[in-house]
């Protein structure tokens, strides 16, 4: 069977980069591997309109409806941009099943009219993939989407991509912070200011969404053991090589109701690197229980300081955390398992 694959980025360019070993396949949510499991992929012709939501929705609907290629279902990494088709599906005017990744929990809309529209919207989605059971459980509270249409998928790294990075054989030292979404820089920097012998290298965008990190950093006194790199663009492959030089990955985030920091956590698994992370209940597994790192409460500088000292003073235990992280990726959370689960679900939906 064939699926029309809708992604919120330039899919054809990314697929080419993946083939050249420059981009990890898990960020395409199985599109690179679905053909191995009987699902061919037709990539969407991308054009950025993210500052114009209506334009994006109209253009996306037009391109999908007039693509001229036969496909059996629409598979999307997000509903952003395909809202029009989802409503058409709910009204019976678009006949192809729609399968999406739902990144946040489904919640009740504010106001009676918005809630009615929202309920119609979710009637137009045939199947939803979630990163964790917690997201599913929270979504069920809204009672607007059926449980049988929700599924947890073990989203994990493209191990083949990271194996090439690991071949570099870097000598690891210090801590690193990457990622751009909802990062809690004040807590992280203050914690490291209290552990002078621990070195932190940070890579952060100037601005992500409504969060201007240059303004955040402008109000912080940065200690000498913290080096901040403000970047506009760094290739994922290049950044992975930099991350591989660190002995521990830090994921310090602001409080949210979804899996902020998960992409960084996935990379840590692949590289076999221990983590210190904000305790996010929507992560697919418990970092402490799996033994792959240390989790701390939101905005808790003292807990961060203690975790940093533990990693610094217990190198053998930190290395064991990294070993368990890689083992967890090989056992369950990896691109092969992700792709196979998605393919089986789509094929089952069509039967």
C-alpha atoms as a PDB file:
ATOM      1  CA  UNK A   1       0.000   0.000   0.000  1.00  0.00           C
ATOM      2  CA  UNK A   2       0.978   3.664  -0.298  1.00  0.00           C
ATOM      3  CA  UNK A   3       0.708   6.606   2.076  1.00  0.00           C
ATOM      4  CA  UNK A   4       0.928  10.287   1.314  1.00  0.00           C
ATOM      5  CA  UNK A   5       3.499  11.497   3.834  1.00  0.00           C
ATOM      6  CA  UNK A   6       2.947  14.998   5.168  1.00  0.00           C
ATOM      7  CA  UNK A   7       5.727  16.562   7.213  1.00  0.00           C
ATOM      8  CA  UNK A   8       6.110  20.127   8.473  1.00  0.00           C
ATOM      9  CA  UNK A   9       9.593  20.379   6.963  1.00  0.00           C
ATOM     10  CA  UNK A  10      11.205  19.917   3.553  1.00  0.00           C
ATOM     11  CA  UNK A  11      10.854  16.133   3.302  1.00  0.00           C
ATOM     12  CA  UNK A  12      12.636  15.592  -0.006  1.00  0.00           C
ATOM     13  CA  UNK A  13      15.690  17.548   1.140  1.00  0.00           C
ATOM     14  CA  UNK A  14      15.776  15.729   4.472  1.00  0.00           C
ATOM     15  CA  UNK A  15      15.404  12.322   2.803  1.00  0.00           C
ATOM     16  CA  UNK A  16      18.407  13.113   0.615  1.00  0.00           C
ATOM     17  CA  UNK A  17      20.411  14.212   3.666  1.00  0.00           C
ATOM     18  CA  UNK A  18      19.435  10.985   5.429  1.00  0.00           C
ATOM     19  CA  UNK A  19      20.656   8.918   2.477  1.00  0.00           C
ATOM     20  CA  UNK A  20      23.984  10.752   2.703  1.00  0.00           C
ATOM     21  CA  UNK A  21      24.230  10.022   6.420  1.00  0.00           C
ATOM     22  CA  UNK A  22      23.738  13.666   7.407  1.00  0.00           C
ATOM     23  CA  UNK A  23      20.330  13.434   9.074  1.00  0.00           C
ATOM     24  CA  UNK A  24      18.864  10.930  11.585  1.00  0.00           C
ATOM     25  CA  UNK A  25      15.877   9.049  10.201  1.00  0.00           C
ATOM     26  CA  UNK A  26      13.808   9.112  13.393  1.00  0.00           C
ATOM     27  CA  UNK A  27      13.058  12.800  12.781  1.00  0.00           C
ATOM     28  CA  UNK A  28      11.040  11.643   9.758  1.00  0.00           C
ATOM     29  CA  UNK A  29       8.899   9.402  11.982  1.00  0.00           C
ATOM     30  CA  UNK A  30       9.431   6.170  10.073  1.00  0.00           C
ATOM     31  CA  UNK A  31       9.183   7.503   6.530  1.00  0.00           C
ATOM     32  CA  UNK A  32      12.709   6.282   5.788  1.00  0.00           C
ATOM     33  CA  UNK A  33      11.924   2.704   6.843  1.00  0.00           C
ATOM     34  CA  UNK A  34       8.216   2.177   6.145  1.00  0.00           C
ATOM     35  CA  UNK A  35       8.880   0.610   2.702  1.00  0.00           C
ATOM     36  CA  UNK A  36      10.719  -2.241   4.496  1.00  0.00           C
ATOM     37  CA  UNK A  37       7.414  -3.123   6.128  1.00  0.00           C
ATOM     38  CA  UNK A  38       5.136  -2.901   3.093  1.00  0.00           C
ATOM     39  CA  UNK A  39       4.197   0.785   3.127  1.00  0.00           C
ATOM     40  CA  UNK A  40       5.454   2.963   0.261  1.00  0.00           C
ATOM     41  CA  UNK A  41       5.815   6.698   0.883  1.00  0.00           C
ATOM     42  CA  UNK A  42       4.840   9.632  -1.344  1.00  0.00           C
ATOM     43  CA  UNK A  43       6.518  12.745   0.142  1.00  0.00           C
ATOM     44  CA  UNK A  44       4.599  16.006   0.319  1.00  0.00           C
ATOM     45  CA  UNK A  45       5.868  18.928  -1.769  1.00  0.00           C
ATOM     46  CA  UNK A  46       6.928  21.350   0.934  1.00  0.00           C
ATOM     47  CA  UNK A  47       6.612  25.121   0.973  1.00  0.00           C
ATOM     48  CA  UNK A  48       7.020  27.097   4.210  1.00  0.00           C
ATOM     49  CA  UNK A  49       4.058  29.183   5.314  1.00  0.00           C
ATOM     50  CA  UNK A  50       4.372  28.873   9.065  1.00  0.00           C
ATOM     51  CA  UNK A  51       3.702  32.525   9.804  1.00  0.00           C
ATOM     52  CA  UNK A  52       0.491  32.266   7.784  1.00  0.00           C
ATOM     53  CA  UNK A  53      -1.554  29.397   9.204  1.00  0.00           C
ATOM     54  CA  UNK A  54      -4.495  29.823   6.814  1.00  0.00           C
ATOM     55  CA  UNK A  55      -2.224  29.991   3.761  1.00  0.00           C
ATOM     56  CA  UNK A  56      -0.419  26.872   4.891  1.00  0.00           C
ATOM     57  CA  UNK A  57      -3.701  25.003   5.406  1.00  0.00           C
ATOM     58  CA  UNK A  58      -5.153  26.013   2.049  1.00  0.00           C
ATOM     59  CA  UNK A  59      -1.961  25.312   0.109  1.00  0.00           C
ATOM     60  CA  UNK A  60      -1.477  21.941   1.800  1.00  0.00           C
ATOM     61  CA  UNK A  61      -5.050  20.864   1.071  1.00  0.00           C
ATOM     62  CA  UNK A  62      -4.722  21.946  -2.566  1.00  0.00           C
ATOM     63  CA  UNK A  63      -1.438  20.109  -3.100  1.00  0.00           C
ATOM     64  CA  UNK A  64      -2.654  16.896  -1.500  1.00  0.00           C
ATOM     65  CA  UNK A  65      -5.998  16.904  -3.295  1.00  0.00           C
ATOM     66  CA  UNK A  66      -4.364  17.600  -6.668  1.00  0.00           C
ATOM     67  CA  UNK A  67      -1.141  15.583  -6.284  1.00  0.00           C
ATOM     68  CA  UNK A  68      -2.151  13.237  -9.111  1.00  0.00           C
ATOM     69  CA  UNK A  69      -0.714  10.194  -7.346  1.00  0.00           C
ATOM     70  CA  UNK A  70      -2.648   7.251  -6.001  1.00  0.00           C
ATOM     71  CA  UNK A  71      -2.337   6.587  -2.304  1.00  0.00           C
ATOM     72  CA  UNK A  72      -4.346   4.717   0.322  1.00  0.00           C
ATOM     73  CA  UNK A  73      -3.972   6.891   3.424  1.00  0.00           C
ATOM     74  CA  UNK A  74      -2.599  10.218   4.615  1.00  0.00           C
ATOM     75  CA  UNK A  75       0.159   9.886   7.219  1.00  0.00           C
ATOM     76  CA  UNK A  76       1.222  13.124   8.908  1.00  0.00           C
ATOM     77  CA  UNK A  77       3.777  14.000  11.576  1.00  0.00           C
ATOM     78  CA  UNK A  78       1.471  16.759  12.847  1.00  0.00           C
ATOM     79  CA  UNK A  79      -2.009  18.106  12.176  1.00  0.00           C
ATOM     80  CA  UNK A  80      -0.566  21.584  11.619  1.00  0.00           C
ATOM     81  CA  UNK A  81      -1.313  22.383   7.987  1.00  0.00           C
ATOM     82  CA  UNK A  82      -3.805  19.584   7.314  1.00  0.00           C
ATOM     83  CA  UNK A  83      -6.653  20.909   9.447  1.00  0.00           C
ATOM     84  CA  UNK A  84      -8.739  21.538   6.335  1.00  0.00           C
ATOM     85  CA  UNK A  85      -8.478  17.942   5.192  1.00  0.00           C
ATOM     86  CA  UNK A  86      -9.284  16.679   8.670  1.00  0.00           C
ATOM     87  CA  UNK A  87     -12.524  18.673   8.701  1.00  0.00           C
ATOM     88  CA  UNK A  88     -13.323  17.398   5.197  1.00  0.00           C
ATOM     89  CA  UNK A  89     -12.715  13.868   6.441  1.00  0.00           C
ATOM     90  CA  UNK A  90     -15.049  14.463   9.392  1.00  0.00           C
ATOM     91  CA  UNK A  91     -17.758  15.617   6.973  1.00  0.00           C
ATOM     92  CA  UNK A  92     -17.228  12.621   4.678  1.00  0.00           C
ATOM     93  CA  UNK A  93     -15.825  14.745   1.842  1.00  0.00           C
ATOM     94  CA  UNK A  94     -12.281  13.360   1.984  1.00  0.00           C
ATOM     95  CA  UNK A  95     -12.248   9.582   1.661  1.00  0.00           C
ATOM     96  CA  UNK A  96      -8.703   8.622   2.651  1.00  0.00           C
ATOM     97  CA  UNK A  97      -7.963   7.567   6.259  1.00  0.00           C
ATOM     98  CA  UNK A  98      -5.899  10.144   8.164  1.00  0.00           C
ATOM     99  CA  UNK A  99      -3.186   8.997  10.567  1.00  0.00           C
ATOM    100  CA  UNK A 100      -1.237  11.581  12.562  1.00  0.00           C
ATOM    101  CA  UNK A 101       1.245  12.071  15.367  1.00  0.00           C
ATOM    102  CA  UNK A 102      -0.357  13.992  18.222  1.00  0.00           C
ATOM    103  CA  UNK A 103       2.424  15.725  20.148  1.00  0.00           C
ATOM    104  CA  UNK A 104       0.373  17.165  22.994  1.00  0.00           C
ATOM    105  CA  UNK A 105      -2.547  15.821  25.013  1.00  0.00           C
ATOM    106  CA  UNK A 106      -6.020  16.436  23.681  1.00  0.00           C
ATOM    107  CA  UNK A 107      -7.701  19.011  25.900  1.00  0.00           C
ATOM    108  CA  UNK A 108     -11.112  20.604  26.229  1.00  0.00           C
ATOM    109  CA  UNK A 109     -11.466  23.818  24.236  1.00  0.00           C
ATOM    110  CA  UNK A 110     -12.436  27.087  25.869  1.00  0.00           C
ATOM    111  CA  UNK A 111     -16.028  27.956  25.110  1.00  0.00           C
ATOM    112  CA  UNK A 112     -18.997  25.950  23.880  1.00  0.00           C
ATOM    113  CA  UNK A 113     -18.546  26.733  20.179  1.00  0.00           C
ATOM    114  CA  UNK A 114     -14.831  25.979  20.139  1.00  0.00           C
ATOM    115  CA  UNK A 115     -15.482  22.672  21.874  1.00  0.00           C
ATOM    116  CA  UNK A 116     -18.113  21.693  19.298  1.00  0.00           C
ATOM    117  CA  UNK A 117     -15.716  22.509  16.459  1.00  0.00           C
ATOM    118  CA  UNK A 118     -12.951  20.585  18.223  1.00  0.00           C
ATOM    119  CA  UNK A 119     -15.145  17.508  18.601  1.00  0.00           C
ATOM    120  CA  UNK A 120     -15.921  17.613  14.878  1.00  0.00           C
ATOM    121  CA  UNK A 121     -12.196  17.950  14.168  1.00  0.00           C
ATOM    122  CA  UNK A 122     -11.268  14.778  16.045  1.00  0.00           C
ATOM    123  CA  UNK A 123     -13.947  12.834  14.200  1.00  0.00           C
ATOM    124  CA  UNK A 124     -11.827  13.423  11.098  1.00  0.00           C
ATOM    125  CA  UNK A 125      -8.714  11.663  12.460  1.00  0.00           C
ATOM    126  CA  UNK A 126      -8.749   7.883  12.010  1.00  0.00           C
ATOM    127  CA  UNK A 127      -5.713   7.070  14.148  1.00  0.00           C
ATOM    128  CA  UNK A 128      -3.294   8.949  16.398  1.00  0.00           C
ATOM    129  CA  UNK A 129       0.201   8.085  17.547  1.00  0.00           C
ATOM    130  CA  UNK A 130       1.435   9.361  20.923  1.00  0.00           C
ATOM    131  CA  UNK A 131       4.871   9.347  22.512  1.00  0.00           C
ATOM    132  CA  UNK A 132       3.733   8.064  25.899  1.00  0.00           C
ATOM    133  CA  UNK A 133       0.861   6.496  27.825  1.00  0.00           C
ATOM    134  CA  UNK A 134       0.648   9.626  29.959  1.00  0.00           C
ATOM    135  CA  UNK A 135      -0.316  11.662  26.886  1.00  0.00           C
ATOM    136  CA  UNK A 136      -3.005   9.116  26.015  1.00  0.00           C
ATOM    137  CA  UNK A 137      -4.379   9.084  29.558  1.00  0.00           C
ATOM    138  CA  UNK A 138      -4.583  12.882  29.641  1.00  0.00           C
ATOM    139  CA  UNK A 139      -6.215  12.929  26.205  1.00  0.00           C
ATOM    140  CA  UNK A 140      -8.931  10.499  27.266  1.00  0.00           C
ATOM    141  CA  UNK A 141     -10.083  12.975  29.905  1.00  0.00           C
ATOM    142  CA  UNK A 142     -11.273  15.290  27.144  1.00  0.00           C
ATOM    143  CA  UNK A 143     -13.685  12.553  25.893  1.00  0.00           C
ATOM    144  CA  UNK A 144     -13.632  13.759  22.306  1.00  0.00           C
ATOM    145  CA  UNK A 145     -11.515  11.031  20.710  1.00  0.00           C
ATOM    146  CA  UNK A 146     -12.035   7.305  21.063  1.00  0.00           C
ATOM    147  CA  UNK A 147      -9.495   5.183  22.922  1.00  0.00           C
ATOM    148  CA  UNK A 148      -9.196   2.693  20.060  1.00  0.00           C
ATOM    149  CA  UNK A 149      -7.939   5.498  17.830  1.00  0.00           C
ATOM    150  CA  UNK A 150      -5.021   6.264  20.147  1.00  0.00           C
ATOM    151  CA  UNK A 151      -1.754   4.344  20.247  1.00  0.00           C
ATOM    152  CA  UNK A 152       1.575   4.706  22.021  1.00  0.00           C
ATOM    153  CA  UNK A 153       4.537   4.166  19.693  1.00  0.00           C
ATOM    154  CA  UNK A 154       8.101   3.550  20.976  1.00  0.00           C
ATOM    155  CA  UNK A 155       9.692   6.525  19.234  1.00  0.00           C
ATOM    156  CA  UNK A 156      13.440   6.024  19.206  1.00  0.00           C
ATOM    157  CA  UNK A 157      16.679   6.992  17.473  1.00  0.00           C
ATOM    158  CA  UNK A 158      18.138   6.035  14.124  1.00  0.00           C
ATOM    159  CA  UNK A 159      20.907   3.890  15.598  1.00  0.00           C
ATOM    160  CA  UNK A 160      22.700   3.473  12.269  1.00  0.00           C
ATOM    161  CA  UNK A 161      23.112   7.255  12.026  1.00  0.00           C
ATOM    162  CA  UNK A 162      24.564   7.522  15.521  1.00  0.00           C
ATOM    163  CA  UNK A 163      26.805   4.495  15.054  1.00  0.00           C
ATOM    164  CA  UNK A 164      28.713   6.548  12.475  1.00  0.00           C
ATOM    165  CA  UNK A 165      29.065   9.324  15.051  1.00  0.00           C
ATOM    166  CA  UNK A 166      30.290   6.863  17.675  1.00  0.00           C
ATOM    167  CA  UNK A 167      33.007   5.602  15.319  1.00  0.00           C
ATOM    168  CA  UNK A 168      34.763   8.928  15.844  1.00  0.00           C
ATOM    169  CA  UNK A 169      35.809   7.622  19.273  1.00  0.00           C
ATOM    170  CA  UNK A 170      35.739  10.973  21.033  1.00  0.00           C
ATOM    171  CA  UNK A 171      37.212  11.387  24.507  1.00  0.00           C
ATOM    172  CA  UNK A 172      34.259  12.595  26.549  1.00  0.00           C
ATOM    173  CA  UNK A 173      34.378  15.339  29.164  1.00  0.00           C
ATOM    174  CA  UNK A 174      32.088  17.933  30.656  1.00  0.00           C
ATOM    175  CA  UNK A 175      28.372  18.567  30.317  1.00  0.00           C
ATOM    176  CA  UNK A 176      26.380  19.789  27.332  1.00  0.00           C
ATOM    177  CA  UNK A 177      22.988  21.381  26.766  1.00  0.00           C
ATOM    178  CA  UNK A 178      21.322  21.446  23.357  1.00  0.00           C
ATOM    179  CA  UNK A 179      17.736  21.737  22.210  1.00  0.00           C
ATOM    180  CA  UNK A 180      15.722  24.854  21.604  1.00  0.00           C
ATOM    181  CA  UNK A 181      12.202  24.407  22.910  1.00  0.00           C
ATOM    182  CA  UNK A 182      11.106  25.725  26.317  1.00  0.00           C
ATOM    183  CA  UNK A 183      14.571  25.550  27.859  1.00  0.00           C
ATOM    184  CA  UNK A 184      14.989  26.751  31.442  1.00  0.00           C
ATOM    185  CA  UNK A 185      18.332  28.531  31.173  1.00  0.00           C
ATOM    186  CA  UNK A 186      18.259  30.412  34.512  1.00  0.00           C
ATOM    187  CA  UNK A 187      17.925  27.225  36.588  1.00  0.00           C
ATOM    188  CA  UNK A 188      20.620  25.372  34.661  1.00  0.00           C
ATOM    189  CA  UNK A 189      23.150  28.206  34.724  1.00  0.00           C
ATOM    190  CA  UNK A 190      22.612  28.940  38.423  1.00  0.00           C
ATOM    191  CA  UNK A 191      23.107  25.263  39.284  1.00  0.00           C
ATOM    192  CA  UNK A 192      26.418  25.117  37.403  1.00  0.00           C
ATOM    193  CA  UNK A 193      27.557  28.351  39.071  1.00  0.00           C
ATOM    194  CA  UNK A 194      27.512  26.370  42.335  1.00  0.00           C
ATOM    195  CA  UNK A 195      29.695  23.536  40.950  1.00  0.00           C
ATOM    196  CA  UNK A 196      32.707  25.386  39.573  1.00  0.00           C
ATOM    197  CA  UNK A 197      34.689  22.289  38.577  1.00  0.00           C
ATOM    198  CA  UNK A 198      31.854  21.090  36.291  1.00  0.00           C
ATOM    199  CA  UNK A 199      32.089  22.545  32.786  1.00  0.00           C
ATOM    200  CA  UNK A 200      28.914  23.181  30.764  1.00  0.00           C
ATOM    201  CA  UNK A 201      28.798  23.939  27.048  1.00  0.00           C
ATOM    202  CA  UNK A 202      25.449  25.217  25.837  1.00  0.00           C
ATOM    203  CA  UNK A 203      24.026  25.517  22.319  1.00  0.00           C
ATOM    204  CA  UNK A 204      20.844  27.541  22.027  1.00  0.00           C
ATOM    205  CA  UNK A 205      18.933  29.427  19.325  1.00  0.00           C
ATOM    206  CA  UNK A 206      18.460  33.166  19.557  1.00  0.00           C
ATOM    207  CA  UNK A 207      14.706  32.692  19.625  1.00  0.00           C
ATOM    208  CA  UNK A 208      12.300  29.766  19.515  1.00  0.00           C
ATOM    209  CA  UNK A 209       8.605  30.510  19.234  1.00  0.00           C
ATOM    210  CA  UNK A 210       7.701  33.229  21.707  1.00  0.00           C
ATOM    211  CA  UNK A 211      10.766  32.588  23.848  1.00  0.00           C
ATOM    212  CA  UNK A 212      13.635  35.016  23.180  1.00  0.00           C
ATOM    213  CA  UNK A 213      16.731  33.417  24.679  1.00  0.00           C
ATOM    214  CA  UNK A 214      18.915  36.468  24.036  1.00  0.00           C
ATOM    215  CA  UNK A 215      16.685  38.450  26.395  1.00  0.00           C
ATOM    216  CA  UNK A 216      16.711  35.612  28.939  1.00  0.00           C
ATOM    217  CA  UNK A 217      20.499  35.433  28.841  1.00  0.00           C
ATOM    218  CA  UNK A 218      20.757  39.208  29.057  1.00  0.00           C
ATOM    219  CA  UNK A 219      19.448  39.088  32.593  1.00  0.00           C
ATOM    220  CA  UNK A 220      21.726  36.280  33.808  1.00  0.00           C
ATOM    221  CA  UNK A 221      25.235  36.410  35.230  1.00  0.00           C
ATOM    222  CA  UNK A 222      27.069  33.595  33.442  1.00  0.00           C
ATOM    223  CA  UNK A 223      29.909  31.940  35.411  1.00  0.00           C
ATOM    224  CA  UNK A 224      33.274  31.078  33.855  1.00  0.00           C
ATOM    225  CA  UNK A 225      32.528  27.343  33.801  1.00  0.00           C
ATOM    226  CA  UNK A 226      29.554  27.866  31.454  1.00  0.00           C
ATOM    227  CA  UNK A 227      30.154  28.531  27.760  1.00  0.00           C
ATOM    228  CA  UNK A 228      27.140  29.646  25.727  1.00  0.00           C
ATOM    229  CA  UNK A 229      26.950  29.326  21.944  1.00  0.00           C
ATOM    230  CA  UNK A 230      24.004  31.197  20.442  1.00  0.00           C
ATOM    231  CA  UNK A 231      23.382  29.715  16.999  1.00  0.00           C
ATOM    232  CA  UNK A 232      21.002  30.276  14.114  1.00  0.00           C
ATOM    233  CA  UNK A 233      21.644  26.999  12.342  1.00  0.00           C
ATOM    234  CA  UNK A 234      23.925  24.034  12.940  1.00  0.00           C
ATOM    235  CA  UNK A 235      23.627  20.821  10.967  1.00  0.00           C
ATOM    236  CA  UNK A 236      22.215  17.977  13.037  1.00  0.00           C
ATOM    237  CA  UNK A 237      25.144  15.738  12.132  1.00  0.00           C
ATOM    238  CA  UNK A 238      27.643  18.361  13.269  1.00  0.00           C
ATOM    239  CA  UNK A 239      25.779  18.909  16.527  1.00  0.00           C
ATOM    240  CA  UNK A 240      25.633  15.148  17.178  1.00  0.00           C
ATOM    241  CA  UNK A 241      29.425  14.971  16.920  1.00  0.00           C
ATOM    242  CA  UNK A 242      29.715  17.812  19.427  1.00  0.00           C
ATOM    243  CA  UNK A 243      27.264  16.141  21.808  1.00  0.00           C
ATOM    244  CA  UNK A 244      29.286  12.928  21.566  1.00  0.00           C
ATOM    245  CA  UNK A 245      32.206  14.756  23.191  1.00  0.00           C
ATOM    246  CA  UNK A 246      30.278  15.306  26.437  1.00  0.00           C
ATOM    247  CA  UNK A 247      30.212  12.918  29.391  1.00  0.00           C
ATOM    248  CA  UNK A 248      26.676  13.964  30.342  1.00  0.00           C
ATOM    249  CA  UNK A 249      23.734  15.596  28.549  1.00  0.00           C
ATOM    250  CA  UNK A 250      21.557  18.081  30.436  1.00  0.00           C
ATOM    251  CA  UNK A 251      17.895  18.672  29.559  1.00  0.00           C
ATOM    252  CA  UNK A 252      16.619  21.554  31.680  1.00  0.00           C
ATOM    253  CA  UNK A 253      13.141  22.647  30.582  1.00  0.00           C
ATOM    254  CA  UNK A 254      10.265  24.811  31.675  1.00  0.00           C
ATOM    255  CA  UNK A 255       7.106  23.119  32.879  1.00  0.00           C
ATOM    256  CA  UNK A 256       4.808  21.870  30.100  1.00  0.00           C
ATOM    257  CA  UNK A 257       2.107  19.315  29.396  1.00  0.00           C
ATOM    258  CA  UNK A 258       3.971  17.520  26.611  1.00  0.00           C
ATOM    259  CA  UNK A 259       7.297  15.853  25.859  1.00  0.00           C
ATOM    260  CA  UNK A 260       9.609  18.875  25.816  1.00  0.00           C
ATOM    261  CA  UNK A 261      13.194  17.584  25.689  1.00  0.00           C
ATOM    262  CA  UNK A 262      12.377  14.163  24.264  1.00  0.00           C
ATOM    263  CA  UNK A 263      14.411  14.635  21.064  1.00  0.00           C
ATOM    264  CA  UNK A 264      17.511  15.345  23.143  1.00  0.00           C
ATOM    265  CA  UNK A 265      16.761  12.367  25.381  1.00  0.00           C
ATOM    266  CA  UNK A 266      16.458  10.134  22.310  1.00  0.00           C
ATOM    267  CA  UNK A 267      19.880  11.286  21.121  1.00  0.00           C
ATOM    268  CA  UNK A 268      21.355  10.526  24.533  1.00  0.00           C
ATOM    269  CA  UNK A 269      20.082   6.950  24.303  1.00  0.00           C
ATOM    270  CA  UNK A 270      21.666   6.477  20.891  1.00  0.00           C
ATOM    271  CA  UNK A 271      25.026   7.879  21.987  1.00  0.00           C
ATOM    272  CA  UNK A 272      25.023   5.926  25.238  1.00  0.00           C
ATOM    273  CA  UNK A 273      25.368   9.115  27.261  1.00  0.00           C
ATOM    274  CA  UNK A 274      23.853   9.632  30.728  1.00  0.00           C
ATOM    275  CA  UNK A 275      21.410  12.507  31.238  1.00  0.00           C
ATOM    276  CA  UNK A 276      20.295  14.901  33.901  1.00  0.00           C
ATOM    277  CA  UNK A 277      16.808  15.978  32.954  1.00  0.00           C
ATOM    278  CA  UNK A 278      13.820  17.870  34.221  1.00  0.00           C
ATOM    279  CA  UNK A 279      11.284  15.315  35.485  1.00  0.00           C
ATOM    280  CA  UNK A 280       8.727  15.360  32.662  1.00  0.00           C
ATOM    281  CA  UNK A 281       5.788  13.057  33.392  1.00  0.00           C
ATOM    282  CA  UNK A 282       4.978  12.755  29.690  1.00  0.00           C
ATOM    283  CA  UNK A 283       8.288  11.082  28.800  1.00  0.00           C
ATOM    284  CA  UNK A 284       7.726   7.481  27.607  1.00  0.00           C
ATOM    285  CA  UNK A 285       9.819   6.013  30.427  1.00  0.00           C
ATOM    286  CA  UNK A 286      11.200   6.931  33.840  1.00  0.00           C
ATOM    287  CA  UNK A 287      14.838   7.996  33.537  1.00  0.00           C
ATOM    288  CA  UNK A 288      15.613   7.018  37.133  1.00  0.00           C
ATOM    289  CA  UNK A 289      13.881   3.622  37.002  1.00  0.00           C
ATOM    290  CA  UNK A 290      15.650   2.708  33.766  1.00  0.00           C
ATOM    291  CA  UNK A 291      18.960   3.777  35.278  1.00  0.00           C
ATOM    292  CA  UNK A 292      19.901   5.986  32.319  1.00  0.00           C
ATOM    293  CA  UNK A 293      20.288   9.228  34.242  1.00  0.00           C
ATOM    294  CA  UNK A 294      18.955  11.479  36.976  1.00  0.00           C
ATOM    295  CA  UNK A 295      15.692  13.417  36.892  1.00  0.00           C
ATOM    296  CA  UNK A 296      15.023  16.541  38.967  1.00  0.00           C
ATOM    297  CA  UNK A 297      11.892  18.623  39.672  1.00  0.00           C
ATOM    298  CA  UNK A 298      11.104  21.721  37.647  1.00  0.00           C
ATOM    299  CA  UNK A 299      13.023  24.883  38.605  1.00  0.00           C
ATOM    300  CA  UNK A 300      14.883  23.130  41.445  1.00  0.00           C
ATOM    301  CA  UNK A 301      18.403  24.601  41.464  1.00  0.00           C
ATOM    302  CA  UNK A 302      19.507  22.597  44.514  1.00  0.00           C
ATOM    303  CA  UNK A 303      18.425  19.282  42.942  1.00  0.00           C
ATOM    304  CA  UNK A 304      20.284  20.187  39.763  1.00  0.00           C
ATOM    305  CA  UNK A 305      23.400  21.031  41.769  1.00  0.00           C
ATOM    306  CA  UNK A 306      23.245  17.675  43.559  1.00  0.00           C
ATOM    307  CA  UNK A 307      22.798  15.774  40.283  1.00  0.00           C
ATOM    308  CA  UNK A 308      25.710  17.599  38.654  1.00  0.00           C
ATOM    309  CA  UNK A 309      27.956  16.813  41.630  1.00  0.00           C
ATOM    310  CA  UNK A 310      26.923  13.142  41.548  1.00  0.00           C
ATOM    311  CA  UNK A 311      27.819  12.734  37.863  1.00  0.00           C
ATOM    312  CA  UNK A 312      31.091  14.592  38.402  1.00  0.00           C
ATOM    313  CA  UNK A 313      32.108  12.583  41.458  1.00  0.00           C
ATOM    314  CA  UNK A 314      30.909   9.146  40.278  1.00  0.00           C
ATOM    315  CA  UNK A 315      32.312   8.594  36.765  1.00  0.00           C
ATOM    316  CA  UNK A 316      31.908   4.811  36.865  1.00  0.00           C
ATOM    317  CA  UNK A 317      28.220   5.099  37.755  1.00  0.00           C
ATOM    318  CA  UNK A 318      27.754   7.705  35.020  1.00  0.00           C
ATOM    319  CA  UNK A 319      29.301   5.376  32.452  1.00  0.00           C
ATOM    320  CA  UNK A 320      26.953   2.590  33.585  1.00  0.00           C
ATOM    321  CA  UNK A 321      24.006   4.929  33.035  1.00  0.00           C
ATOM    322  CA  UNK A 322      25.244   5.508  29.497  1.00  0.00           C
ATOM    323  CA  UNK A 323      25.557   1.774  28.901  1.00  0.00           C
ATOM    324  CA  UNK A 324      21.985   1.233  30.073  1.00  0.00           C
ATOM    325  CA  UNK A 325      20.808   4.090  27.871  1.00  0.00           C
ATOM    326  CA  UNK A 326      22.207   2.492  24.728  1.00  0.00           C
ATOM    327  CA  UNK A 327      20.852  -0.914  25.770  1.00  0.00           C
ATOM    328  CA  UNK A 328      17.372   0.597  26.181  1.00  0.00           C
ATOM    329  CA  UNK A 329      17.584   2.030  22.676  1.00  0.00           C
ATOM    330  CA  UNK A 330      18.703  -1.265  21.191  1.00  0.00           C
ATOM    331  CA  UNK A 331      16.035  -3.211  23.049  1.00  0.00           C
ATOM    332  CA  UNK A 332      12.965  -1.026  22.521  1.00  0.00           C
ATOM    333  CA  UNK A 333      13.278   2.637  21.593  1.00  0.00           C
ATOM    334  CA  UNK A 334      14.762   2.702  18.097  1.00  0.00           C
ATOM    335  CA  UNK A 335      13.761   3.621  14.566  1.00  0.00           C
ATOM    336  CA  UNK A 336      13.246   0.024  13.464  1.00  0.00           C
ATOM    337  CA  UNK A 337      10.658  -0.596  16.183  1.00  0.00           C
ATOM    338  CA  UNK A 338       9.059   2.778  15.520  1.00  0.00           C
ATOM    339  CA  UNK A 339       8.721   2.108  11.800  1.00  0.00           C
ATOM    340  CA  UNK A 340       7.460  -1.437  12.171  1.00  0.00           C
ATOM    341  CA  UNK A 341       4.807  -0.388  14.698  1.00  0.00           C
ATOM    342  CA  UNK A 342       3.597   2.446  12.462  1.00  0.00           C
ATOM    343  CA  UNK A 343       3.501   0.259   9.358  1.00  0.00           C
ATOM    344  CA  UNK A 344       1.565  -2.491  11.119  1.00  0.00           C
ATOM    345  CA  UNK A 345      -0.956   0.016  12.428  1.00  0.00           C
ATOM    346  CA  UNK A 346      -1.512   1.601   9.021  1.00  0.00           C
ATOM    347  CA  UNK A 347      -1.847  -1.759   7.305  1.00  0.00           C
ATOM    348  CA  UNK A 348      -4.291  -2.916   9.953  1.00  0.00           C
ATOM    349  CA  UNK A 349      -6.329   0.262   9.516  1.00  0.00           C
ATOM    350  CA  UNK A 350      -6.731  -0.465   5.800  1.00  0.00           C
ATOM    351  CA  UNK A 351      -7.970  -4.026   6.322  1.00  0.00           C
END
